[in-house]
Amino acid sequence: MQALDGLVNDDYDRAAPLGCGDCKAAGNYAADLESMYVSKRKGYPISLYLDAVERRYVEEFNTSNFVAITKDGKYITPDAPRSVLDSNTNKVLLQLANDMSIPVERRRIDFEAEAVQRVRVYADSMDGGSTGSFFLQSSAKGYGV
């Protein structure tokens, strides 16, 4: 696994609060094009979207779901049913975590309060690619891990 740098995308929204972010739709990919271009121009191969209302809660990466392992060994992933794609890879990882008695939490993840403190953040790759660790920085707020 190779670590990647990622940009917290607080200048763009991937999905509207009552939109179709949970659907595999062409419009969801189109909404990411400019943001992806800007992130890559700044040297970041991947970016993380926060919720469109408060710009505080983790939603997902522009390429994949967000999964984190906390310092105390919990598997956490966002619970945002209307704006995050329900990934098959994440479903399998959740089941494996349950089978291995790893505590699992599907809930809102406050980026400022807790995501920057995670030991390891993973992107579950929906296309079967490899998973990597991410170090996150915000374009506007100066977050860093």
Protein backbone atom coordinates (compact mmCIF):
# COMPACT_ATOMS: atom_id res chain seq x y z
CA MET A 1 0.00 0.00 0.00
CA GLN A 2 1.32 3.41 -0.94
CA ALA A 3 0.30 6.56 0.92
CA LEU A 4 -1.19 9.38 -1.13
CA ASP A 5 -1.78 13.01 -0.35
CA GLY A 6 -5.38 14.12 -0.59
CA LEU A 7 -7.11 17.50 -0.64
CA VAL A 8 -10.17 18.16 1.52
CA ASN A 9 -12.54 19.61 -1.01
CA ASP A 10 -14.36 22.45 0.74
CA ASP A 11 -14.70 24.60 -2.39
CA TYR A 12 -16.97 22.19 -4.29
CA ASP A 13 -19.93 19.89 -3.59
CA ARG A 14 -20.28 16.44 -5.08
CA ALA A 15 -23.91 15.89 -4.12
CA ALA A 16 -26.86 18.04 -3.07
CA PRO A 17 -28.51 17.22 0.28
CA LEU A 18 -31.61 15.70 -1.33
CA GLY A 19 -29.95 14.84 -4.63
CA CYS A 20 -28.83 11.57 -6.16
CA GLY A 21 -25.33 11.25 -4.68
CA ASP A 22 -26.21 7.72 -3.62
CA CYS A 23 -26.79 6.66 -7.25
CA LYS A 24 -24.24 5.61 -9.82
CA ALA A 25 -25.20 8.43 -12.21
CA ALA A 26 -23.24 10.30 -14.87
CA GLY A 27 -24.17 13.62 -13.27
CA ASN A 28 -22.32 12.67 -10.10
CA TYR A 29 -19.12 12.17 -12.07
CA ALA A 30 -19.60 15.36 -14.07
CA ALA A 31 -19.94 17.35 -10.83
CA ASP A 32 -16.42 16.25 -9.89
CA LEU A 33 -14.59 17.20 -13.10
CA GLU A 34 -13.56 20.76 -12.26
CA SER A 35 -12.77 19.88 -8.66
CA MET A 36 -10.64 16.93 -9.75
CA TYR A 37 -8.79 19.14 -12.23
CA VAL A 38 -8.05 21.76 -9.54
CA SER A 39 -6.90 19.11 -7.04
CA LYS A 40 -4.58 17.48 -9.55
CA ARG A 41 -3.18 20.87 -10.59
CA LYS A 42 -2.32 21.46 -6.92
CA GLY A 43 -0.56 18.08 -6.80
CA TYR A 44 -3.26 15.99 -5.10
CA PRO A 45 -4.35 12.81 -6.89
CA ILE A 46 -7.52 12.47 -4.81
CA SER A 47 -9.86 14.72 -2.86
CA LEU A 48 -12.33 14.29 -0.03
CA TYR A 49 -15.78 15.84 -0.07
CA LEU A 50 -17.45 17.23 3.03
CA ASP A 51 -21.23 17.59 3.32
CA ALA A 52 -22.80 20.33 1.21
CA VAL A 53 -24.77 21.94 4.06
CA GLU A 54 -22.29 22.47 6.91
CA ARG A 55 -19.05 21.62 5.06
CA ARG A 56 -18.03 19.73 8.15
CA TYR A 57 -19.01 16.08 7.88
CA VAL A 58 -17.05 13.58 5.78
CA GLU A 59 -18.92 12.18 2.81
CA GLU A 60 -16.59 10.40 0.39
CA PHE A 61 -13.54 10.70 -1.81
CA ASN A 62 -14.03 11.72 -5.42
CA THR A 63 -13.06 8.18 -6.42
CA SER A 64 -14.35 6.02 -3.57
CA ASN A 65 -16.01 5.67 -0.19
CA PHE A 66 -14.33 6.89 2.99
CA VAL A 67 -13.31 4.26 5.54
CA ALA A 68 -11.21 4.86 8.65
CA ILE A 69 -9.73 2.74 11.40
CA THR A 70 -9.69 4.65 14.67
CA LYS A 71 -6.83 4.61 17.13
CA ASP A 72 -8.85 2.23 19.29
CA GLY A 73 -9.44 -0.16 16.37
CA LYS A 74 -12.99 0.73 15.26
CA TYR A 75 -14.00 0.59 11.59
CA ILE A 76 -15.92 3.77 10.76
CA THR A 77 -17.58 4.95 7.59
CA PRO A 78 -20.00 7.84 6.97
CA ASP A 79 -23.74 7.40 7.30
CA ALA A 80 -25.03 9.76 4.62
CA PRO A 81 -27.63 7.69 2.77
CA ARG A 82 -28.72 10.39 0.29
CA SER A 83 -25.29 11.68 -0.73
CA VAL A 84 -22.82 8.78 -0.57
CA LEU A 85 -22.72 5.88 -2.99
CA ASP A 86 -23.52 2.57 -1.30
CA SER A 87 -20.31 0.81 -2.30
CA ASN A 88 -20.18 -2.96 -2.68
CA THR A 89 -16.56 -2.92 -1.53
CA ASN A 90 -17.52 -1.07 1.64
CA LYS A 91 -20.34 -3.58 2.26
CA VAL A 92 -17.84 -6.45 2.03
CA LEU A 93 -15.35 -4.67 4.30
CA LEU A 94 -18.12 -3.98 6.84
CA GLN A 95 -19.08 -7.66 6.79
CA LEU A 96 -15.46 -8.76 7.21
CA ALA A 97 -15.03 -6.36 10.12
CA ASN A 98 -18.16 -7.79 11.75
CA ASP A 99 -16.96 -11.35 11.14
CA MET A 100 -13.62 -10.49 12.76
CA SER A 101 -15.35 -8.85 15.76
CA ILE A 102 -14.00 -5.43 14.84
CA PRO A 103 -16.36 -2.75 16.17
CA VAL A 104 -18.17 -1.05 13.27
CA GLU A 105 -19.74 2.40 13.23
CA ARG A 106 -21.75 3.92 10.37
CA ARG A 107 -22.24 7.51 11.46
CA ARG A 108 -21.58 11.15 10.71
CA ILE A 109 -17.85 11.85 10.94
CA ASP A 110 -16.98 15.40 11.94
CA PHE A 111 -13.83 16.14 9.96
CA GLU A 112 -12.61 18.97 12.17
CA ALA A 113 -13.25 17.14 15.43
CA GLU A 114 -12.07 13.67 14.55
CA ALA A 115 -11.12 12.74 11.01
CA VAL A 116 -7.80 14.54 11.17
CA GLN A 117 -6.94 12.42 14.22
CA ARG A 118 -7.41 9.06 12.49
CA VAL A 119 -4.44 6.75 12.34
CA ARG A 120 -5.32 5.39 8.92
CA VAL A 121 -7.83 6.52 6.38
CA TYR A 122 -8.70 4.22 3.51
CA ALA A 123 -10.49 4.68 0.25
CA ASP A 124 -12.40 1.61 -0.69
CA SER A 125 -11.75 1.36 -4.38
CA MET A 126 -14.97 0.56 -6.20
CA ASP A 127 -13.11 -0.44 -9.33
CA GLY A 128 -11.11 -3.17 -7.62
CA GLY A 129 -7.90 -1.14 -7.47
CA SER A 130 -5.56 -0.99 -4.52
CA THR A 131 -6.36 0.79 -1.28
CA GLY A 132 -4.09 3.50 0.06
CA SER A 133 -3.63 5.67 3.11
CA PHE A 134 -4.34 9.37 2.80
CA PHE A 135 -2.92 12.47 4.38
CA LEU A 136 -5.52 15.20 4.13
CA GLN A 137 -5.18 18.94 3.76
CA SER A 138 -7.91 21.50 3.25
CA SER A 139 -7.58 24.12 0.56
CA ALA A 140 -9.17 26.79 2.74
CA LYS A 141 -8.88 25.75 6.38
CA GLY A 142 -5.34 24.43 6.49
CA TYR A 143 -6.10 20.99 7.89
CA GLY A 144 -3.24 18.57 7.89
CA VAL A 145 -2.32 15.16 9.19
